PDB file of N, CA and C in Angstrom:
ATOM      1  N   MET A   1      16.380 -13.428 -28.158  1.00  0.00           N
ATOM      2  CA  MET A   1      16.142 -13.664 -26.734  1.00  0.00           C
ATOM      3  C   MET A   1      15.137 -14.802 -26.594  1.00  0.00           C
ATOM      4  N   ASP A   2      15.427 -15.671 -25.701  1.00  0.00           N
ATOM      5  CA  ASP A   2      14.547 -16.806 -25.485  1.00  0.00           C
ATOM      6  C   ASP A   2      13.662 -16.562 -24.246  1.00  0.00           C
ATOM      7  N   TYR A   3      12.843 -17.517 -23.955  1.00  0.00           N
ATOM      8  CA  TYR A   3      11.874 -17.419 -22.866  1.00  0.00           C
ATOM      9  C   TYR A   3      12.550 -17.233 -21.511  1.00  0.00           C
ATOM     10  N   GLY A   4      13.664 -17.879 -21.278  1.00  0.00           N
ATOM     11  CA  GLY A   4      14.390 -17.767 -20.015  1.00  0.00           C
ATOM     12  C   GLY A   4      14.909 -16.359 -19.779  1.00  0.00           C
ATOM     13  N   THR A   5      15.340 -15.704 -20.832  1.00  0.00           N
ATOM     14  CA  THR A   5      15.835 -14.332 -20.717  1.00  0.00           C
ATOM     15  C   THR A   5      14.699 -13.389 -20.348  1.00  0.00           C
ATOM     16  N   TYR A   6      13.542 -13.568 -20.973  1.00  0.00           N
ATOM     17  CA  TYR A   6      12.377 -12.730 -20.640  1.00  0.00           C
ATOM     18  C   TYR A   6      11.974 -12.913 -19.175  1.00  0.00           C
ATOM     19  N   ARG A   7      12.005 -14.155 -18.716  1.00  0.00           N
ATOM     20  CA  ARG A   7      11.660 -14.413 -17.314  1.00  0.00           C
ATOM     21  C   ARG A   7      12.657 -13.758 -16.375  1.00  0.00           C
ATOM     22  N   GLY A   8      13.931 -13.777 -16.732  1.00  0.00           N
ATOM     23  CA  GLY A   8      14.952 -13.140 -15.913  1.00  0.00           C
ATOM     24  C   GLY A   8      14.774 -11.629 -15.858  1.00  0.00           C
ATOM     25  N   VAL A   9      14.508 -11.020 -17.000  1.00  0.00           N
ATOM     26  CA  VAL A   9      14.285  -9.572 -17.057  1.00  0.00           C
ATOM     27  C   VAL A   9      13.029  -9.206 -16.274  1.00  0.00           C
ATOM     28  N   TYR A  10      11.988  -9.989 -16.432  1.00  0.00           N
ATOM     29  CA  TYR A  10      10.743  -9.744 -15.699  1.00  0.00           C
ATOM     30  C   TYR A  10      10.979  -9.854 -14.190  1.00  0.00           C
ATOM     31  N   THR A  11      11.753 -10.829 -13.767  1.00  0.00           N
ATOM     32  CA  THR A  11      12.053 -10.996 -12.346  1.00  0.00           C
ATOM     33  C   THR A  11      12.818  -9.798 -11.806  1.00  0.00           C
ATOM     34  N   ILE A  12      13.785  -9.308 -12.545  1.00  0.00           N
ATOM     35  CA  ILE A  12      14.555  -8.138 -12.105  1.00  0.00           C
ATOM     36  C   ILE A  12      13.661  -6.906 -12.018  1.00  0.00           C
ATOM     37  N   ILE A  13      12.795  -6.720 -12.995  1.00  0.00           N
ATOM     38  CA  ILE A  13      11.872  -5.572 -12.969  1.00  0.00           C
ATOM     39  C   ILE A  13      10.954  -5.657 -11.757  1.00  0.00           C
ATOM     40  N   MET A  14      10.414  -6.835 -11.471  1.00  0.00           N
ATOM     41  CA  MET A  14       9.531  -6.992 -10.326  1.00  0.00           C
ATOM     42  C   MET A  14      10.277  -6.777  -9.000  1.00  0.00           C
ATOM     43  N   MET A  15      11.529  -7.190  -8.934  1.00  0.00           N
ATOM     44  CA  MET A  15      12.325  -6.943  -7.726  1.00  0.00           C
ATOM     45  C   MET A  15      12.548  -5.447  -7.527  1.00  0.00           C
ATOM     46  N   LEU A  16      12.794  -4.720  -8.603  1.00  0.00           N
ATOM     47  CA  LEU A  16      12.966  -3.266  -8.512  1.00  0.00           C
ATOM     48  C   LEU A  16      11.673  -2.580  -8.091  1.00  0.00           C
ATOM     49  N   VAL A  17      10.554  -3.033  -8.634  1.00  0.00           N
ATOM     50  CA  VAL A  17       9.257  -2.464  -8.244  1.00  0.00           C
ATOM     51  C   VAL A  17       8.997  -2.733  -6.769  1.00  0.00           C
ATOM     52  N   PHE A  18       9.250  -3.942  -6.322  1.00  0.00           N
ATOM     53  CA  PHE A  18       9.067  -4.290  -4.915  1.00  0.00           C
ATOM     54  C   PHE A  18       9.965  -3.434  -4.020  1.00  0.00           C
ATOM     55  N   GLY A  19      11.210  -3.278  -4.402  1.00  0.00           N
ATOM     56  CA  GLY A  19      12.130  -2.430  -3.641  1.00  0.00           C
ATOM     57  C   GLY A  19      11.661  -0.985  -3.597  1.00  0.00           C
ATOM     58  N   GLY A  20      11.128  -0.483  -4.701  1.00  0.00           N
ATOM     59  CA  GLY A  20      10.597   0.878  -4.742  1.00  0.00           C
ATOM     60  C   GLY A  20       9.417   1.058  -3.810  1.00  0.00           C
ATOM     61  N   ILE A  21       8.537   0.082  -3.758  1.00  0.00           N
ATOM     62  CA  ILE A  21       7.379   0.154  -2.856  1.00  0.00           C
ATOM     63  C   ILE A  21       7.840   0.132  -1.404  1.00  0.00           C
ATOM     64  N   ILE A  22       8.799  -0.707  -1.082  1.00  0.00           N
ATOM     65  CA  ILE A  22       9.333  -0.769   0.286  1.00  0.00           C
ATOM     66  C   ILE A  22       9.988   0.554   0.649  1.00  0.00           C
ATOM     67  N   TRP A  23      10.788   1.114  -0.255  1.00  0.00           N
ATOM     68  CA  TRP A  23      11.448   2.395  -0.001  1.00  0.00           C
ATOM     69  C   TRP A  23      10.406   3.495   0.232  1.00  0.00           C
ATOM     70  N   TRP A  24       9.360   3.536  -0.608  1.00  0.00           N
ATOM     71  CA  TRP A  24       8.315   4.546  -0.475  1.00  0.00           C
ATOM     72  C   TRP A  24       7.574   4.390   0.858  1.00  0.00           C
ATOM     73  N   ALA A  25       7.268   3.166   1.237  1.00  0.00           N
ATOM     74  CA  ALA A  25       6.492   2.937   2.459  1.00  0.00           C
ATOM     75  C   ALA A  25       7.264   3.312   3.717  1.00  0.00           C
ATOM     76  N   TYR A  26       8.572   3.157   3.700  1.00  0.00           N
ATOM     77  CA  TYR A  26       9.366   3.427   4.895  1.00  0.00           C
ATOM     78  C   TYR A  26      10.125   4.754   4.844  1.00  0.00           C
ATOM     79  N   SER A  27       9.858   5.587   3.847  1.00  0.00           N
ATOM     80  CA  SER A  27      10.545   6.876   3.792  1.00  0.00           C
ATOM     81  C   SER A  27       9.963   7.819   4.845  1.00  0.00           C
ATOM     82  N   LYS A  28      10.764   8.809   5.253  1.00  0.00           N
ATOM     83  CA  LYS A  28      10.333   9.738   6.292  1.00  0.00           C
ATOM     84  C   LYS A  28       9.146  10.572   5.837  1.00  0.00           C
ATOM     85  N   HIS A  29       9.103  10.930   4.571  1.00  0.00           N
ATOM     86  CA  HIS A  29       7.991  11.726   4.056  1.00  0.00           C
ATOM     87  C   HIS A  29       6.666  10.966   4.181  1.00  0.00           C
ATOM     88  N   SER A  30       6.679   9.697   3.860  1.00  0.00           N
ATOM     89  CA  SER A  30       5.454   8.898   3.949  1.00  0.00           C
ATOM     90  C   SER A  30       5.083   8.599   5.389  1.00  0.00           C
ATOM     91  N   LYS A  31       6.051   8.526   6.285  1.00  0.00           N
ATOM     92  CA  LYS A  31       5.777   8.205   7.685  1.00  0.00           C
ATOM     93  C   LYS A  31       4.850   9.236   8.311  1.00  0.00           C
ATOM     94  N   LYS A  32       5.068  10.505   8.024  1.00  0.00           N
ATOM     95  CA  LYS A  32       4.213  11.558   8.576  1.00  0.00           C
ATOM     96  C   LYS A  32       2.760  11.368   8.127  1.00  0.00           C
ATOM     97  N   LYS A  33       2.592  11.103   6.848  1.00  0.00           N
ATOM     98  CA  LYS A  33       1.244  10.926   6.315  1.00  0.00           C
ATOM     99  C   LYS A  33       0.580   9.675   6.889  1.00  0.00           C
ATOM    100  N   PHE A  34       1.328   8.582   6.970  1.00  0.00           N
ATOM    101  CA  PHE A  34       0.784   7.340   7.496  1.00  0.00           C
ATOM    102  C   PHE A  34       0.423   7.466   8.973  1.00  0.00           C
ATOM    103  N   ASP A  35       1.258   8.176   9.748  1.00  0.00           N
ATOM    104  CA  ASP A  35       0.948   8.391  11.164  1.00  0.00           C
ATOM    105  C   ASP A  35      -0.320   9.222  11.322  1.00  0.00           C
ATOM    106  N   HIS A  36      -0.480  10.238  10.486  1.00  0.00           N
ATOM    107  CA  HIS A  36      -1.685  11.067  10.557  1.00  0.00           C
ATOM    108  C   HIS A  36      -2.931  10.235  10.246  1.00  0.00           C
ATOM    109  N   VAL A  37      -2.858   9.427   9.218  1.00  0.00           N
ATOM    110  CA  VAL A  37      -3.995   8.588   8.842  1.00  0.00           C
ATOM    111  C   VAL A  37      -4.289   7.556   9.934  1.00  0.00           C
ATOM    112  N   ALA A  38      -3.243   6.994  10.526  1.00  0.00           N
ATOM    113  CA  ALA A  38      -3.437   5.986  11.571  1.00  0.00           C
ATOM    114  C   ALA A  38      -4.106   6.583  12.797  1.00  0.00           C
ATOM    115  N   HIS A  39      -3.751   7.812  13.144  1.00  0.00           N
ATOM    116  CA  HIS A  39      -4.330   8.444  14.330  1.00  0.00           C
ATOM    117  C   HIS A  39      -5.672   9.104  14.047  1.00  0.00           C
ATOM    118  N   SER A  40      -5.980   9.353  12.782  1.00  0.00           N
ATOM    119  CA  SER A  40      -7.246  10.007  12.460  1.00  0.00           C
ATOM    120  C   SER A  40      -8.439   9.103  12.767  1.00  0.00           C
ATOM    121  N   ILE A  41      -8.223   7.823  12.792  1.00  0.00           N
ATOM    122  CA  ILE A  41      -9.301   6.898  13.126  1.00  0.00           C
ATOM    123  C   ILE A  41      -9.726   7.088  14.577  1.00  0.00           C
ATOM    124  N   LEU A  42      -8.771   7.453  15.408  1.00  0.00           N
ATOM    125  CA  LEU A  42      -9.049   7.609  16.829  1.00  0.00           C
ATOM    126  C   LEU A  42      -9.634   8.972  17.178  1.00  0.00           C
ATOM    127  N   ASP A  43      -9.641   9.896  16.233  1.00  0.00           N
ATOM    128  CA  ASP A  43     -10.199  11.220  16.494  1.00  0.00           C
ATOM    129  C   ASP A  43     -11.715  11.138  16.587  1.00  0.00           C
ATOM    130  N   ASP A  44     -12.271  11.796  17.596  1.00  0.00           N
ATOM    131  CA  ASP A  44     -13.716  11.767  17.791  1.00  0.00           C
ATOM    132  C   ASP A  44     -14.415  12.972  17.183  1.00  0.00           C
ATOM    133  N   GLU A  45     -13.685  13.908  16.615  1.00  0.00           N
ATOM    134  CA  GLU A  45     -14.285  15.126  16.095  1.00  0.00           C
ATOM    135  C   GLU A  45     -15.307  14.835  14.999  1.00  0.00           C
ATOM    136  N   ASP A  46     -14.945  13.980  14.068  1.00  0.00           N
ATOM    137  CA  ASP A  46     -15.865  13.662  12.980  1.00  0.00           C
ATOM    138  C   ASP A  46     -17.117  12.957  13.499  1.00  0.00           C
ATOM    139  N   ILE A  47     -16.959  12.100  14.469  1.00  0.00           N
ATOM    140  CA  ILE A  47     -18.097  11.379  15.029  1.00  0.00           C
ATOM    141  C   ILE A  47     -19.019  12.350  15.755  1.00  0.00           C
ATOM    142  N   LYS A  48     -18.449  13.270  16.520  1.00  0.00           N
ATOM    143  CA  LYS A  48     -19.263  14.246  17.243  1.00  0.00           C
ATOM    144  C   LYS A  48     -20.023  15.137  16.279  1.00  0.00           C
ATOM    145  N   LYS A  49     -19.380  15.568  15.206  1.00  0.00           N
ATOM    146  CA  LYS A  49     -20.043  16.429  14.224  1.00  0.00           C
ATOM    147  C   LYS A  49     -21.215  15.706  13.576  1.00  0.00           C
ATOM    148  N   SER A  50     -21.014  14.437  13.198  1.00  0.00           N
ATOM    149  CA  SER A  50     -22.096  13.703  12.547  1.00  0.00           C
ATOM    150  C   SER A  50     -23.232  13.420  13.532  1.00  0.00           C
ATOM    151  N   ASN A  51     -22.909  13.167  14.798  1.00  0.00           N
ATOM    152  CA  ASN A  51     -23.951  12.938  15.794  1.00  0.00           C
ATOM    153  C   ASN A  51     -24.738  14.211  16.069  1.00  0.00           C
ATOM    154  N   ASP A  52     -24.065  15.373  16.083  1.00  0.00           N
ATOM    155  CA  ASP A  52     -24.753  16.638  16.285  1.00  0.00           C
ATOM    156  C   ASP A  52     -25.713  16.929  15.135  1.00  0.00           C
ATOM    157  N   LYS A  53     -25.297  16.653  13.913  1.00  0.00           N
ATOM    158  CA  LYS A  53     -26.156  16.880  12.753  1.00  0.00           C
ATOM    159  C   LYS A  53     -27.379  15.960  12.803  1.00  0.00           C
ATOM    160  N   GLU A  54     -27.174  14.709  13.198  1.00  0.00           N
ATOM    161  CA  GLU A  54     -28.281  13.765  13.278  1.00  0.00           C
ATOM    162  C   GLU A  54     -29.275  14.179  14.354  1.00  0.00           C
ATOM    163  N   SER A  55     -28.780  14.643  15.490  1.00  0.00           N
ATOM    164  CA  SER A  55     -29.679  15.040  16.567  1.00  0.00           C
ATOM    165  C   SER A  55     -30.448  16.295  16.194  1.00  0.00           C
ATOM    166  N   GLU A  56     -29.846  17.200  15.429  1.00  0.00           N
ATOM    167  CA  GLU A  56     -30.545  18.403  14.985  1.00  0.00           C
ATOM    168  C   GLU A  56     -31.675  18.054  14.036  1.00  0.00           C
ATOM    169  N   THR A  57     -31.450  17.111  13.133  1.00  0.00           N
ATOM    170  CA  THR A  57     -32.488  16.747  12.180  1.00  0.00           C
ATOM    171  C   THR A  57     -33.609  15.965  12.859  1.00  0.00           C
ATOM    172  N   ARG A  58     -33.321  15.238  13.890  1.00  0.00           N
ATOM    173  CA  ARG A  58     -34.358  14.484  14.596  1.00  0.00           C
ATOM    174  C   ARG A  58     -35.274  15.405  15.392  1.00  0.00           C
ATOM    175  N   GLN A  59     -34.714  16.501  15.887  1.00  0.00           N
ATOM    176  CA  GLN A  59     -35.523  17.421  16.684  1.00  0.00           C
ATOM    177  C   GLN A  59     -36.481  18.218  15.819  1.00  0.00           C
ATOM    178  N   ASP A  60     -36.168  18.393  14.551  1.00  0.00           N
ATOM    179  CA  ASP A  60     -37.027  19.188  13.651  1.00  0.00           C
ATOM    180  C   ASP A  60     -38.283  18.497  13.295  1.00  0.00           C
TER     181      ASP A  60
END
């Protein structure tokens, strides 16, 4: 096998890896997780909890 053949095989492997990443990112199973993570930034629960803890320690 010469250098050109290795480059061709490497290109095919990288195309398959890229296709696998695209398939994983757009699958229905991943969509649920990604939507949860995207909306978790907008949740104020964690911010309120940390602010309550800070205010309790300041009063002591």
